Amino acid sequence: MKTEKQEKKPFVKTRTRMDNSIEVEFQKSPAKTLVGKILIWLVIAGTIVVPVASLIYTMWMASK
């Protein structure tokens, strides 16, 4: 039995409209791609981890 390979769809699809404007479509959800997952974790770290760490550092420096 031969297995058929699925055709890989591009992540970003661009089309040109009749008025020469460019339309961009995303084929996959960004959360399902590796780059999207990395960006999600960076946003989480930037909004939670970094402020908490800087607050702890500031309190530690103020106590000296």
Protein backbone atom coordinates (compact mmCIF):
# COMPACT_ATOMS: atom_id res chain seq x y z
CA MET A 1 0.00 0.00 0.00
CA LYS A 2 1.26 3.42 -0.88
CA THR A 3 0.53 6.34 1.32
CA GLU A 4 -0.35 9.59 -0.33
CA LYS A 5 1.55 12.64 0.77
CA GLN A 6 -0.57 15.58 1.72
CA GLU A 7 0.21 18.80 -0.03
CA LYS A 8 1.69 21.36 2.34
CA LYS A 9 -0.23 24.62 2.28
CA PRO A 10 1.70 27.87 2.63
CA PHE A 11 1.26 29.74 5.91
CA VAL A 12 0.67 33.12 4.26
CA LYS A 13 -1.29 33.48 1.04
CA THR A 14 -1.30 36.74 -0.89
CA ARG A 15 -3.71 37.80 -3.60
CA THR A 16 -3.88 40.88 -5.75
CA ARG A 17 -7.28 42.50 -6.06
CA MET A 18 -8.61 44.15 -9.18
CA ASP A 19 -7.70 47.60 -7.83
CA ASN A 20 -4.04 46.43 -7.44
CA SER A 21 -4.23 46.23 -3.65
CA ILE A 22 -2.67 43.23 -1.95
CA GLU A 23 -4.75 40.97 0.25
CA VAL A 24 -2.99 38.72 2.80
CA GLU A 25 -4.59 35.59 4.26
CA PHE A 26 -3.26 33.33 7.00
CA GLN A 27 -3.95 29.67 6.23
CA LYS A 28 -3.21 28.28 9.72
CA SER A 29 -3.81 29.51 13.20
CA PRO A 30 -0.63 31.14 14.54
CA ALA A 31 -0.99 29.07 17.74
CA LYS A 32 -0.47 25.89 15.70
CA THR A 33 2.89 26.94 14.25
CA LEU A 34 6.28 26.83 15.96
CA VAL A 35 6.89 30.55 15.52
CA GLY A 36 3.42 31.32 16.90
CA LYS A 37 4.03 29.18 19.98
CA ILE A 38 7.38 30.89 20.61
CA LEU A 39 5.74 34.32 20.31
CA ILE A 40 2.96 33.32 22.70
CA TRP A 41 5.51 32.25 25.33
CA LEU A 42 7.49 35.47 24.83
CA VAL A 43 4.34 37.54 25.38
CA ILE A 44 3.50 35.56 28.52
CA ALA A 45 7.03 36.03 29.85
CA GLY A 46 6.93 39.73 29.04
CA THR A 47 3.64 40.34 30.80
CA ILE A 48 4.07 38.12 33.86
CA VAL A 49 7.64 36.98 34.53
CA VAL A 50 9.61 40.14 33.74
CA PRO A 51 7.47 42.55 35.82
CA VAL A 52 7.46 40.20 38.82
CA ALA A 53 11.23 39.71 38.59
CA SER A 54 11.83 43.46 38.31
CA LEU A 55 9.54 44.10 41.30
CA ILE A 56 11.47 41.58 43.40
CA TYR A 57 14.77 43.11 42.29
CA THR A 58 13.56 46.63 43.13
CA MET A 59 12.37 45.56 46.58
CA TRP A 60 15.68 43.79 47.21
CA MET A 61 17.69 46.89 46.19
CA ALA A 62 15.48 49.17 48.33
CA SER A 63 16.10 47.06 51.42
CA LYS A 64 19.88 47.52 51.20
